[in-house]
Amino acid sequence: MTRIGVFLAIVGFLSVILFQFTDYRIRLLAWADDYQPGIGLGAGALGVVLIVAGVMAGKKKAAAAE
């Protein structure tokens, strides 16, 4: 879950930065150019949520193992 979160956060936030400051588009989100920067921010935020959930689940597993 954490790996997917990291991927989404990087792709989402990077697409917003590239959309705002350059003419380069990430192919994975090229279909959503009309919805930028909202779709990029949403993907990045979802990625952060998945990262936090993965870390919290890991802490619960470690606490249960003790």
C-alpha atoms as a PDB file:
ATOM      1  CA  MET A   1       0.000   0.000   0.000  1.00  0.00           C
ATOM      2  CA  THR A   2       2.879   2.343   0.792  1.00  0.00           C
ATOM      3  CA  ARG A   3       4.542   1.793  -2.580  1.00  0.00           C
ATOM      4  CA  ILE A   4       1.363   2.630  -4.457  1.00  0.00           C
ATOM      5  CA  GLY A   5       0.974   5.718  -2.281  1.00  0.00           C
ATOM      6  CA  VAL A   6       4.498   6.885  -3.034  1.00  0.00           C
ATOM      7  CA  PHE A   7       3.913   6.332  -6.750  1.00  0.00           C
ATOM      8  CA  LEU A   8       0.633   8.275  -6.723  1.00  0.00           C
ATOM      9  CA  ALA A   9       2.105  11.114  -4.671  1.00  0.00           C
ATOM     10  CA  ILE A  10       5.107  11.502  -6.971  1.00  0.00           C
ATOM     11  CA  VAL A  11       3.106  11.275 -10.204  1.00  0.00           C
ATOM     12  CA  GLY A  12       0.311  13.524  -8.941  1.00  0.00           C
ATOM     13  CA  PHE A  13       2.414  16.317  -7.495  1.00  0.00           C
ATOM     14  CA  LEU A  14       4.964  16.130 -10.321  1.00  0.00           C
ATOM     15  CA  SER A  15       2.197  16.461 -12.909  1.00  0.00           C
ATOM     16  CA  VAL A  16       0.942  19.619 -11.173  1.00  0.00           C
ATOM     17  CA  ILE A  17       4.424  21.137 -11.100  1.00  0.00           C
ATOM     18  CA  LEU A  18       5.103  20.275 -14.733  1.00  0.00           C
ATOM     19  CA  PHE A  19       1.674  21.524 -15.805  1.00  0.00           C
ATOM     20  CA  GLN A  20       2.158  24.875 -14.082  1.00  0.00           C
ATOM     21  CA  PHE A  21       5.759  25.641 -15.048  1.00  0.00           C
ATOM     22  CA  THR A  22       6.517  23.778 -18.300  1.00  0.00           C
ATOM     23  CA  ASP A  23       4.830  22.449 -21.401  1.00  0.00           C
ATOM     24  CA  TYR A  24       5.772  18.867 -20.535  1.00  0.00           C
ATOM     25  CA  ARG A  25       2.966  16.433 -19.718  1.00  0.00           C
ATOM     26  CA  ILE A  26       3.202  13.057 -18.011  1.00  0.00           C
ATOM     27  CA  ARG A  27       1.715  10.498 -20.399  1.00  0.00           C
ATOM     28  CA  LEU A  28      -0.035   8.637 -17.622  1.00  0.00           C
ATOM     29  CA  LEU A  29      -2.149  11.720 -16.854  1.00  0.00           C
ATOM     30  CA  ALA A  30      -2.206  13.247 -20.346  1.00  0.00           C
ATOM     31  CA  TRP A  31      -5.888  12.339 -20.688  1.00  0.00           C
ATOM     32  CA  ALA A  32      -6.625  14.629 -17.728  1.00  0.00           C
ATOM     33  CA  ASP A  33      -5.057  17.849 -19.047  1.00  0.00           C
ATOM     34  CA  ASP A  34      -8.439  19.560 -18.971  1.00  0.00           C
ATOM     35  CA  TYR A  35      -8.750  18.733 -15.270  1.00  0.00           C
ATOM     36  CA  GLN A  36      -5.280  19.850 -14.146  1.00  0.00           C
ATOM     37  CA  PRO A  37      -4.194  20.848 -11.523  1.00  0.00           C
ATOM     38  CA  GLY A  38      -7.126  19.305  -9.633  1.00  0.00           C
ATOM     39  CA  ILE A  39      -6.565  15.718 -10.777  1.00  0.00           C
ATOM     40  CA  GLY A  40      -2.857  15.956  -9.970  1.00  0.00           C
ATOM     41  CA  LEU A  41      -3.507  17.345  -6.515  1.00  0.00           C
ATOM     42  CA  GLY A  42      -6.136  14.683  -5.919  1.00  0.00           C
ATOM     43  CA  ALA A  43      -3.804  11.867  -6.977  1.00  0.00           C
ATOM     44  CA  GLY A  44      -1.027  13.297  -4.815  1.00  0.00           C
ATOM     45  CA  ALA A  45      -3.316  13.647  -1.813  1.00  0.00           C
ATOM     46  CA  LEU A  46      -4.599  10.089  -2.283  1.00  0.00           C
ATOM     47  CA  GLY A  47      -0.985   8.947  -2.385  1.00  0.00           C
ATOM     48  CA  VAL A  48      -0.224  10.718   0.896  1.00  0.00           C
ATOM     49  CA  VAL A  49      -3.291   9.124   2.498  1.00  0.00           C
ATOM     50  CA  LEU A  50      -2.141   5.672   1.346  1.00  0.00           C
ATOM     51  CA  ILE A  51       1.367   6.296   2.687  1.00  0.00           C
ATOM     52  CA  VAL A  52       0.023   7.321   6.092  1.00  0.00           C
ATOM     53  CA  ALA A  53      -2.349   4.333   6.159  1.00  0.00           C
ATOM     54  CA  GLY A  54       0.499   1.974   5.290  1.00  0.00           C
ATOM     55  CA  VAL A  55       2.723   3.386   8.019  1.00  0.00           C
ATOM     56  CA  MET A  56      -0.063   3.180  10.590  1.00  0.00           C
ATOM     57  CA  ALA A  57      -0.853  -0.425   9.601  1.00  0.00           C
ATOM     58  CA  GLY A  58       2.838  -1.283   9.974  1.00  0.00           C
ATOM     59  CA  LYS A  59       2.916   0.213  13.460  1.00  0.00           C
ATOM     60  CA  LYS A  60      -0.165  -1.797  14.468  1.00  0.00           C
ATOM     61  CA  LYS A  61       1.466  -5.013  13.228  1.00  0.00           C
ATOM     62  CA  ALA A  62       4.639  -4.241  15.178  1.00  0.00           C
ATOM     63  CA  ALA A  63       2.684  -3.478  18.340  1.00  0.00           C
ATOM     64  CA  ALA A  64       0.675  -6.694  17.998  1.00  0.00           C
ATOM     65  CA  ALA A  65       3.843  -8.750  17.524  1.00  0.00           C
ATOM     66  CA  GLU A  66       5.260  -7.553  20.846  1.00  0.00           C
END
